[in-house]
Amino acid sequence: MKSPTPPSNEALRLDALRHLNILDTSKEERFDRLTRLAQQMFATKFALISFIDTNRQWVKSCSGDEWSETIPRDLSFCGHTIFNGLCCLNRWN
């Protein structure tokens, strides 16, 4: 997979992410409910909520298949999605 080039608004995006104070926090049931709901609604093997930091994708919540909590950004497909204004659903089932 080709490593994505950071978007032009990368500094602003990272500032907004850090302002949330969500990175490296504990699991929370409210996020786990959302991932379970998404997995059920879209009939997928897994669903996750993750955040793209400077060099990594950090997984806040995962339902279904287990994922590493941290994935290098250049290996993450989510690292590519932040460049698009569209949301794509890929069904991996």
C-alpha atoms as a PDB file:
ATOM      1  CA  MET A   1       0.000   0.000   0.000  1.00  0.00           C
ATOM      2  CA  LYS A   2       1.270   3.443  -0.902  1.00  0.00           C
ATOM      3  CA  SER A   3       1.887   5.727   2.101  1.00  0.00           C
ATOM      4  CA  PRO A   4      -0.466   8.709   2.028  1.00  0.00           C
ATOM      5  CA  THR A   5       0.834  12.273   1.863  1.00  0.00           C
ATOM      6  CA  PRO A   6      -0.413  14.332   4.835  1.00  0.00           C
ATOM      7  CA  PRO A   7      -3.343  16.610   3.944  1.00  0.00           C
ATOM      8  CA  SER A   8      -2.855  20.366   3.666  1.00  0.00           C
ATOM      9  CA  ASN A   9      -4.814  20.911   6.890  1.00  0.00           C
ATOM     10  CA  GLU A  10      -2.805  18.328   8.860  1.00  0.00           C
ATOM     11  CA  ALA A  11      -1.634  20.729  11.598  1.00  0.00           C
ATOM     12  CA  LEU A  12      -5.176  22.002  12.168  1.00  0.00           C
ATOM     13  CA  ARG A  13      -6.565  18.451  12.179  1.00  0.00           C
ATOM     14  CA  LEU A  14      -3.975  17.280  14.718  1.00  0.00           C
ATOM     15  CA  ASP A  15      -4.634  20.310  16.949  1.00  0.00           C
ATOM     16  CA  ALA A  16      -8.354  19.482  16.919  1.00  0.00           C
ATOM     17  CA  LEU A  17      -7.595  15.835  17.720  1.00  0.00           C
ATOM     18  CA  ARG A  18      -5.363  16.757  20.654  1.00  0.00           C
ATOM     19  CA  HIS A  19      -7.999  19.199  21.926  1.00  0.00           C
ATOM     20  CA  LEU A  20     -10.368  16.218  22.322  1.00  0.00           C
ATOM     21  CA  ASN A  21      -7.997  14.626  24.887  1.00  0.00           C
ATOM     22  CA  ILE A  22      -9.106  11.188  23.708  1.00  0.00           C
ATOM     23  CA  LEU A  23      -5.837   9.575  22.598  1.00  0.00           C
ATOM     24  CA  ASP A  24      -4.566   6.782  24.854  1.00  0.00           C
ATOM     25  CA  THR A  25      -7.648   6.847  27.078  1.00  0.00           C
ATOM     26  CA  SER A  26      -9.323   3.778  28.562  1.00  0.00           C
ATOM     27  CA  LYS A  27     -12.110   1.829  26.913  1.00  0.00           C
ATOM     28  CA  GLU A  28     -15.546   3.407  27.296  1.00  0.00           C
ATOM     29  CA  GLU A  29     -18.877   1.643  27.019  1.00  0.00           C
ATOM     30  CA  ARG A  30     -20.406   4.517  25.016  1.00  0.00           C
ATOM     31  CA  PHE A  31     -17.892   3.935  22.201  1.00  0.00           C
ATOM     32  CA  ASP A  32     -18.225   0.151  22.469  1.00  0.00           C
ATOM     33  CA  ARG A  33     -22.010   0.471  22.042  1.00  0.00           C
ATOM     34  CA  LEU A  34     -21.473   2.429  18.832  1.00  0.00           C
ATOM     35  CA  THR A  35     -19.086  -0.146  17.370  1.00  0.00           C
ATOM     36  CA  ARG A  36     -21.427  -3.022  18.255  1.00  0.00           C
ATOM     37  CA  LEU A  37     -24.341  -1.151  16.675  1.00  0.00           C
ATOM     38  CA  ALA A  38     -22.360  -0.406  13.495  1.00  0.00           C
ATOM     39  CA  GLN A  39     -21.257  -4.033  13.242  1.00  0.00           C
ATOM     40  CA  GLN A  40     -24.861  -5.232  13.571  1.00  0.00           C
ATOM     41  CA  MET A  41     -26.387  -2.610  11.271  1.00  0.00           C
ATOM     42  CA  PHE A  42     -23.932  -3.218   8.446  1.00  0.00           C
ATOM     43  CA  ALA A  43     -23.565  -6.980   9.063  1.00  0.00           C
ATOM     44  CA  THR A  44     -19.769  -6.835   9.107  1.00  0.00           C
ATOM     45  CA  LYS A  45     -17.182  -9.028  10.811  1.00  0.00           C
ATOM     46  CA  PHE A  46     -15.923  -6.043  12.779  1.00  0.00           C
ATOM     47  CA  ALA A  47     -16.368  -2.336  13.369  1.00  0.00           C
ATOM     48  CA  LEU A  48     -14.025   0.099  15.007  1.00  0.00           C
ATOM     49  CA  ILE A  49     -13.629   3.690  16.077  1.00  0.00           C
ATOM     50  CA  SER A  50     -10.129   4.973  15.577  1.00  0.00           C
ATOM     51  CA  PHE A  51      -8.233   8.231  15.446  1.00  0.00           C
ATOM     52  CA  ILE A  52      -5.347   9.105  13.140  1.00  0.00           C
ATOM     53  CA  ASP A  53      -2.490  10.742  15.054  1.00  0.00           C
ATOM     54  CA  THR A  54       0.830  11.961  13.657  1.00  0.00           C
ATOM     55  CA  ASN A  55       2.367   8.523  13.103  1.00  0.00           C
ATOM     56  CA  ARG A  56      -0.315   6.042  14.074  1.00  0.00           C
ATOM     57  CA  GLN A  57      -3.913   4.947  13.949  1.00  0.00           C
ATOM     58  CA  TRP A  58      -5.122   4.527  17.517  1.00  0.00           C
ATOM     59  CA  VAL A  59      -8.151   2.277  18.065  1.00  0.00           C
ATOM     60  CA  LYS A  60     -10.549   3.542  20.738  1.00  0.00           C
ATOM     61  CA  SER A  61     -13.121   0.775  20.341  1.00  0.00           C
ATOM     62  CA  CYS A  62     -13.440  -2.448  18.368  1.00  0.00           C
ATOM     63  CA  SER A  63     -16.301  -4.894  17.983  1.00  0.00           C
ATOM     64  CA  GLY A  64     -15.773  -8.274  16.383  1.00  0.00           C
ATOM     65  CA  ASP A  65     -12.280  -9.282  15.302  1.00  0.00           C
ATOM     66  CA  GLU A  66      -9.533  -8.102  17.623  1.00  0.00           C
ATOM     67  CA  TRP A  67      -7.323  -5.275  16.383  1.00  0.00           C
ATOM     68  CA  SER A  68      -4.081  -3.926  17.721  1.00  0.00           C
ATOM     69  CA  GLU A  69      -4.656  -0.759  19.701  1.00  0.00           C
ATOM     70  CA  THR A  70      -1.995   1.015  17.641  1.00  0.00           C
ATOM     71  CA  ILE A  71      -1.305   0.609  13.926  1.00  0.00           C
ATOM     72  CA  PRO A  72       1.439   2.522  12.095  1.00  0.00           C
ATOM     73  CA  ARG A  73      -0.229   5.296  10.106  1.00  0.00           C
ATOM     74  CA  ASP A  74       1.524   4.370   6.870  1.00  0.00           C
ATOM     75  CA  LEU A  75       0.073   0.824   7.123  1.00  0.00           C
ATOM     76  CA  SER A  76      -3.418   1.956   8.076  1.00  0.00           C
ATOM     77  CA  PHE A  77      -6.219   2.147   5.516  1.00  0.00           C
ATOM     78  CA  CYS A  78      -7.815   4.774   7.792  1.00  0.00           C
ATOM     79  CA  GLY A  79      -4.777   6.958   7.146  1.00  0.00           C
ATOM     80  CA  HIS A  80      -6.038   7.201   3.563  1.00  0.00           C
ATOM     81  CA  THR A  81      -9.661   7.979   4.412  1.00  0.00           C
ATOM     82  CA  ILE A  82      -8.892  11.322   6.071  1.00  0.00           C
ATOM     83  CA  PHE A  83      -7.973  12.693   2.639  1.00  0.00           C
ATOM     84  CA  ASN A  84     -11.494  12.272   1.272  1.00  0.00           C
ATOM     85  CA  GLY A  85     -14.695  14.079   2.077  1.00  0.00           C
ATOM     86  CA  LEU A  86     -16.553  10.843   1.423  1.00  0.00           C
ATOM     87  CA  CYS A  87     -17.186   7.927   3.712  1.00  0.00           C
ATOM     88  CA  CYS A  88     -16.835   4.527   2.077  1.00  0.00           C
ATOM     89  CA  LEU A  89     -18.166   1.320   3.522  1.00  0.00           C
ATOM     90  CA  ASN A  90     -16.183  -1.726   2.526  1.00  0.00           C
ATOM     91  CA  ARG A  91     -17.930  -4.916   3.536  1.00  0.00           C
ATOM     92  CA  TRP A  92     -15.343  -7.499   4.450  1.00  0.00           C
ATOM     93  CA  ASN A  93     -17.697 -10.374   5.115  1.00  0.00           C
END
